[in-house]
């Protein structure tokens, strides 16, 4: 079984807001943060995210 990492990254500054193997909705991740990036303070909307799928090499435990 292949596990895939899921990341949510601020489009303004590139800060990684969330990284994990659990697929969570952007709304669930951003709501506790007040829908803002902790690094640059950009307002983030959970409906305005681009999805990218990338193959990662190596083993993940």
PDB file of N, CA and C in Angstrom:
ATOM      1  N   UNK A   1       0.838  -1.184   0.000  1.00  0.00           N
ATOM      2  CA  UNK A   1       0.000   0.000   0.000  1.00  0.00           C
ATOM      3  C   UNK A   1       0.878   1.241   0.000  1.00  0.00           C
ATOM      4  N   UNK A   2       0.552   2.175  -0.861  1.00  0.00           N
ATOM      5  CA  UNK A   2       1.290   3.429  -0.935  1.00  0.00           C
ATOM      6  C   UNK A   2       0.561   4.489  -0.116  1.00  0.00           C
ATOM      7  N   UNK A   3       1.303   5.153   0.748  1.00  0.00           N
ATOM      8  CA  UNK A   3       0.724   6.253   1.513  1.00  0.00           C
ATOM      9  C   UNK A   3       1.161   7.542   0.861  1.00  0.00           C
ATOM     10  N   UNK A   4       0.258   8.501   0.817  1.00  0.00           N
ATOM     11  CA  UNK A   4       0.575   9.779   0.192  1.00  0.00           C
ATOM     12  C   UNK A   4       0.473  10.881   1.235  1.00  0.00           C
ATOM     13  N   UNK A   5       1.431  11.785   1.210  1.00  0.00           N
ATOM     14  CA  UNK A   5       1.406  12.935   2.105  1.00  0.00           C
ATOM     15  C   UNK A   5       0.487  13.997   1.519  1.00  0.00           C
ATOM     16  N   UNK A   6      -0.194  14.684   2.389  1.00  0.00           N
ATOM     17  CA  UNK A   6      -1.105  15.755   2.010  1.00  0.00           C
ATOM     18  C   UNK A   6      -0.565  17.039   2.631  1.00  0.00           C
ATOM     19  N   UNK A   7      -0.386  18.057   1.817  1.00  0.00           N
ATOM     20  CA  UNK A   7       0.152  19.321   2.307  1.00  0.00           C
ATOM     21  C   UNK A   7      -0.757  20.475   1.904  1.00  0.00           C
ATOM     22  N   UNK A   8      -0.840  21.454   2.778  1.00  0.00           N
ATOM     23  CA  UNK A   8      -1.564  22.683   2.497  1.00  0.00           C
ATOM     24  C   UNK A   8      -0.545  23.806   2.652  1.00  0.00           C
ATOM     25  N   UNK A   9      -0.310  24.553   1.566  1.00  0.00           N
ATOM     26  CA  UNK A   9       0.751  25.556   1.530  1.00  0.00           C
ATOM     27  C   UNK A   9       0.172  26.907   1.159  1.00  0.00           C
ATOM     28  N   UNK A  10       0.625  27.957   1.856  1.00  0.00           N
ATOM     29  CA  UNK A  10       0.183  29.316   1.562  1.00  0.00           C
ATOM     30  C   UNK A  10       0.675  29.717   0.172  1.00  0.00           C
ATOM     31  N   UNK A  11      -0.247  30.183  -0.662  1.00  0.00           N
ATOM     32  CA  UNK A  11       0.133  30.561  -2.026  1.00  0.00           C
ATOM     33  C   UNK A  11       0.874  31.892  -2.068  1.00  0.00           C
ATOM     34  N   UNK A  12       0.786  32.666  -1.008  1.00  0.00           N
ATOM     35  CA  UNK A  12       1.454  33.962  -0.987  1.00  0.00           C
ATOM     36  C   UNK A  12       2.929  33.846  -0.584  1.00  0.00           C
ATOM     37  N   UNK A  13       3.219  33.115   0.508  1.00  0.00           N
ATOM     38  CA  UNK A  13       4.597  33.069   1.005  1.00  0.00           C
ATOM     39  C   UNK A  13       5.239  31.688   0.937  1.00  0.00           C
ATOM     40  N   UNK A  14       4.452  30.639   0.622  1.00  0.00           N
ATOM     41  CA  UNK A  14       5.002  29.289   0.513  1.00  0.00           C
ATOM     42  C   UNK A  14       5.107  28.544   1.831  1.00  0.00           C
ATOM     43  N   UNK A  15       4.605  29.128   2.922  1.00  0.00           N
ATOM     44  CA  UNK A  15       4.648  28.493   4.243  1.00  0.00           C
ATOM     45  C   UNK A  15       3.777  27.237   4.254  1.00  0.00           C
ATOM     46  N   UNK A  16       4.310  26.148   4.829  1.00  0.00           N
ATOM     47  CA  UNK A  16       3.550  24.907   4.925  1.00  0.00           C
ATOM     48  C   UNK A  16       2.600  25.018   6.118  1.00  0.00           C
ATOM     49  N   UNK A  17       1.321  25.072   5.835  1.00  0.00           N
ATOM     50  CA  UNK A  17       0.303  25.230   6.863  1.00  0.00           C
ATOM     51  C   UNK A  17      -0.050  23.886   7.481  1.00  0.00           C
ATOM     52  N   UNK A  18      -0.068  22.840   6.671  1.00  0.00           N
ATOM     53  CA  UNK A  18      -0.390  21.495   7.158  1.00  0.00           C
ATOM     54  C   UNK A  18       0.362  20.478   6.319  1.00  0.00           C
ATOM     55  N   UNK A  19       0.845  19.428   6.980  1.00  0.00           N
ATOM     56  CA  UNK A  19       1.459  18.298   6.291  1.00  0.00           C
ATOM     57  C   UNK A  19       1.111  17.039   7.063  1.00  0.00           C
ATOM     58  N   UNK A  20       0.586  16.049   6.378  1.00  0.00           N
ATOM     59  CA  UNK A  20       0.237  14.802   7.042  1.00  0.00           C
ATOM     60  C   UNK A  20      -0.290  13.789   6.063  1.00  0.00           C
ATOM     61  N   UNK A  21      -0.582  12.602   6.575  1.00  0.00           N
ATOM     62  CA  UNK A  21      -1.101  11.529   5.734  1.00  0.00           C
ATOM     63  C   UNK A  21      -2.625  11.462   5.772  1.00  0.00           C
ATOM     64  N   UNK A  22      -3.253  12.257   6.644  1.00  0.00           N
ATOM     65  CA  UNK A  22      -4.709  12.290   6.720  1.00  0.00           C
ATOM     66  C   UNK A  22      -5.242  13.351   5.773  1.00  0.00           C
ATOM     67  N   UNK A  23      -6.096  12.937   4.863  1.00  0.00           N
ATOM     68  CA  UNK A  23      -6.713  13.876   3.930  1.00  0.00           C
ATOM     69  C   UNK A  23      -7.783  14.655   4.683  1.00  0.00           C
ATOM     70  N   UNK A  24      -7.545  15.944   4.866  1.00  0.00           N
ATOM     71  CA  UNK A  24      -8.468  16.821   5.584  1.00  0.00           C
ATOM     72  C   UNK A  24      -8.888  17.951   4.657  1.00  0.00           C
ATOM     73  N   UNK A  25     -10.069  18.478   4.876  1.00  0.00           N
ATOM     74  CA  UNK A  25     -10.532  19.576   4.025  1.00  0.00           C
ATOM     75  C   UNK A  25      -9.792  20.854   4.409  1.00  0.00           C
ATOM     76  N   UNK A  26      -9.528  21.730   3.434  1.00  0.00           N
ATOM     77  CA  UNK A  26      -8.888  23.010   3.745  1.00  0.00           C
ATOM     78  C   UNK A  26      -9.664  23.800   4.805  1.00  0.00           C
ATOM     79  N   UNK A  27     -10.979  23.697   4.794  1.00  0.00           N
ATOM     80  CA  UNK A  27     -11.797  24.400   5.779  1.00  0.00           C
ATOM     81  C   UNK A  27     -11.467  23.929   7.203  1.00  0.00           C
ATOM     82  N   UNK A  28     -11.354  22.611   7.400  1.00  0.00           N
ATOM     83  CA  UNK A  28     -11.046  22.065   8.722  1.00  0.00           C
ATOM     84  C   UNK A  28      -9.661  22.473   9.211  1.00  0.00           C
ATOM     85  N   UNK A  29      -8.731  22.645   8.293  1.00  0.00           N
ATOM     86  CA  UNK A  29      -7.369  23.045   8.657  1.00  0.00           C
ATOM     87  C   UNK A  29      -7.301  24.539   8.947  1.00  0.00           C
ATOM     88  N   UNK A  30      -7.975  25.346   8.132  1.00  0.00           N
ATOM     89  CA  UNK A  30      -7.863  26.803   8.242  1.00  0.00           C
ATOM     90  C   UNK A  30      -8.729  27.432   9.324  1.00  0.00           C
ATOM     91  N   UNK A  31      -9.843  26.809   9.656  1.00  0.00           N
ATOM     92  CA  UNK A  31     -10.768  27.395  10.627  1.00  0.00           C
ATOM     93  C   UNK A  31     -10.094  27.697  11.973  1.00  0.00           C
ATOM     94  N   UNK A  32      -9.352  26.754  12.580  1.00  0.00           N
ATOM     95  CA  UNK A  32      -8.688  27.064  13.856  1.00  0.00           C
ATOM     96  C   UNK A  32      -7.634  28.179  13.738  1.00  0.00           C
ATOM     97  N   UNK A  33      -7.155  28.429  12.525  1.00  0.00           N
ATOM     98  CA  UNK A  33      -6.142  29.465  12.304  1.00  0.00           C
ATOM     99  C   UNK A  33      -6.775  30.810  11.962  1.00  0.00           C
ATOM    100  N   UNK A  34      -8.104  30.875  11.979  1.00  0.00           N
ATOM    101  CA  UNK A  34      -8.783  32.116  11.619  1.00  0.00           C
ATOM    102  C   UNK A  34      -8.672  32.430  10.141  1.00  0.00           C
ATOM    103  N   UNK A  35      -8.456  31.391   9.325  1.00  0.00           N
ATOM    104  CA  UNK A  35      -8.330  31.520   7.871  1.00  0.00           C
ATOM    105  C   UNK A  35      -7.207  32.477   7.472  1.00  0.00           C
ATOM    106  N   UNK A  36      -6.113  32.474   8.244  1.00  0.00           N
ATOM    107  CA  UNK A  36      -4.945  33.295   7.915  1.00  0.00           C
ATOM    108  C   UNK A  36      -3.676  32.463   8.011  1.00  0.00           C
ATOM    109  N   UNK A  37      -2.689  32.838   7.222  1.00  0.00           N
ATOM    110  CA  UNK A  37      -1.374  32.196   7.272  1.00  0.00           C
ATOM    111  C   UNK A  37      -0.649  32.728   8.504  1.00  0.00           C
ATOM    112  N   UNK A  38      -0.101  31.827   9.308  1.00  0.00           N
ATOM    113  CA  UNK A  38       0.609  32.250  10.519  1.00  0.00           C
ATOM    114  C   UNK A  38       1.909  32.980  10.212  1.00  0.00           C
ATOM    115  N   UNK A  39       2.484  32.735   9.048  1.00  0.00           N
ATOM    116  CA  UNK A  39       3.765  33.364   8.721  1.00  0.00           C
ATOM    117  C   UNK A  39       3.598  34.762   8.133  1.00  0.00           C
ATOM    118  N   UNK A  40       2.744  34.915   7.130  1.00  0.00           N
ATOM    119  CA  UNK A  40       2.644  36.209   6.438  1.00  0.00           C
ATOM    120  C   UNK A  40       1.344  36.964   6.721  1.00  0.00           C
ATOM    121  N   UNK A  41       0.374  36.291   7.368  1.00  0.00           N
ATOM    122  CA  UNK A  41      -0.878  36.948   7.701  1.00  0.00           C
ATOM    123  C   UNK A  41      -1.880  37.042   6.562  1.00  0.00           C
ATOM    124  N   UNK A  42      -1.598  36.395   5.431  1.00  0.00           N
ATOM    125  CA  UNK A  42      -2.511  36.441   4.287  1.00  0.00           C
ATOM    126  C   UNK A  42      -3.839  35.791   4.646  1.00  0.00           C
ATOM    127  N   UNK A  43      -4.913  36.382   4.168  1.00  0.00           N
ATOM    128  CA  UNK A  43      -6.243  35.799   4.335  1.00  0.00           C
ATOM    129  C   UNK A  43      -6.377  34.643   3.345  1.00  0.00           C
ATOM    130  N   UNK A  44      -6.786  33.495   3.831  1.00  0.00           N
ATOM    131  CA  UNK A  44      -6.897  32.294   3.004  1.00  0.00           C
ATOM    132  C   UNK A  44      -8.345  31.835   2.959  1.00  0.00           C
ATOM    133  N   UNK A  45      -8.815  31.499   1.780  1.00  0.00           N
ATOM    134  CA  UNK A  45     -10.178  30.996   1.633  1.00  0.00           C
ATOM    135  C   UNK A  45     -10.121  29.514   1.295  1.00  0.00           C
ATOM    136  N   UNK A  46     -10.905  28.700   1.987  1.00  0.00           N
ATOM    137  CA  UNK A  46     -10.828  27.253   1.776  1.00  0.00           C
ATOM    138  C   UNK A  46     -11.313  26.794   0.411  1.00  0.00           C
ATOM    139  N   UNK A  47     -11.987  27.644  -0.341  1.00  0.00           N
ATOM    140  CA  UNK A  47     -12.481  27.231  -1.658  1.00  0.00           C
ATOM    141  C   UNK A  47     -11.529  27.609  -2.780  1.00  0.00           C
ATOM    142  N   UNK A  48     -10.452  28.310  -2.469  1.00  0.00           N
ATOM    143  CA  UNK A  48      -9.547  28.818  -3.499  1.00  0.00           C
ATOM    144  C   UNK A  48      -8.180  28.142  -3.417  1.00  0.00           C
ATOM    145  N   UNK A  49      -8.157  26.798  -3.486  1.00  0.00           N
ATOM    146  CA  UNK A  49      -6.906  26.064  -3.421  1.00  0.00           C
ATOM    147  C   UNK A  49      -6.691  25.261  -4.680  1.00  0.00           C
ATOM    148  N   UNK A  50      -5.440  25.188  -5.093  1.00  0.00           N
ATOM    149  CA  UNK A  50      -5.052  24.387  -6.247  1.00  0.00           C
ATOM    150  C   UNK A  50      -4.578  23.044  -5.715  1.00  0.00           C
ATOM    151  N   UNK A  51      -4.941  21.981  -6.390  1.00  0.00           N
ATOM    152  CA  UNK A  51      -4.537  20.638  -5.994  1.00  0.00           C
ATOM    153  C   UNK A  51      -3.476  20.135  -6.949  1.00  0.00           C
ATOM    154  N   UNK A  52      -2.387  19.639  -6.377  1.00  0.00           N
ATOM    155  CA  UNK A  52      -1.321  19.032  -7.168  1.00  0.00           C
ATOM    156  C   UNK A  52      -1.022  17.657  -6.597  1.00  0.00           C
ATOM    157  N   UNK A  53      -0.793  16.699  -7.465  1.00  0.00           N
ATOM    158  CA  UNK A  53      -0.410  15.357  -7.053  1.00  0.00           C
ATOM    159  C   UNK A  53       1.018  15.135  -7.517  1.00  0.00           C
ATOM    160  N   UNK A  54       1.888  14.798  -6.562  1.00  0.00           N
ATOM    161  CA  UNK A  54       3.294  14.585  -6.890  1.00  0.00           C
ATOM    162  C   UNK A  54       3.742  13.233  -6.350  1.00  0.00           C
ATOM    163  N   UNK A  55       4.518  12.517  -7.150  1.00  0.00           N
ATOM    164  CA  UNK A  55       5.057  11.242  -6.720  1.00  0.00           C
ATOM    165  C   UNK A  55       6.296  11.479  -5.872  1.00  0.00           C
ATOM    166  N   UNK A  56       6.313  10.885  -4.692  1.00  0.00           N
ATOM    167  CA  UNK A  56       7.460  11.003  -3.792  1.00  0.00           C
ATOM    168  C   UNK A  56       8.200   9.671  -3.788  1.00  0.00           C
ATOM    169  N   UNK A  57       9.501   9.733  -3.860  1.00  0.00           N
ATOM    170  CA  UNK A  57      10.307   8.514  -3.840  1.00  0.00           C
ATOM    171  C   UNK A  57      10.710   8.196  -2.405  1.00  0.00           C
ATOM    172  N   UNK A  58      10.936   6.931  -2.145  1.00  0.00           N
ATOM    173  CA  UNK A  58      11.413   6.513  -0.832  1.00  0.00           C
ATOM    174  C   UNK A  58      10.337   5.795  -0.051  1.00  0.00           C
ATOM    175  N   UNK A  59      10.710   5.383   1.176  1.00  0.00           N
ATOM    176  CA  UNK A  59       9.781   4.657   2.037  1.00  0.00           C
ATOM    177  C   UNK A  59       9.316   5.574   3.143  1.00  0.00           C
ATOM    178  N   UNK A  60       8.055   5.446   3.480  1.00  0.00           N
ATOM    179  CA  UNK A  60       7.463   6.222   4.562  1.00  0.00           C
ATOM    180  C   UNK A  60       6.849   5.237   5.541  1.00  0.00           C
ATOM    181  N   UNK A  61       7.153   5.404   6.799  1.00  0.00           N
ATOM    182  CA  UNK A  61       6.631   4.492   7.814  1.00  0.00           C
ATOM    183  C   UNK A  61       5.357   5.004   8.411  1.00  0.00           C
TER     184      UNK A  61
END
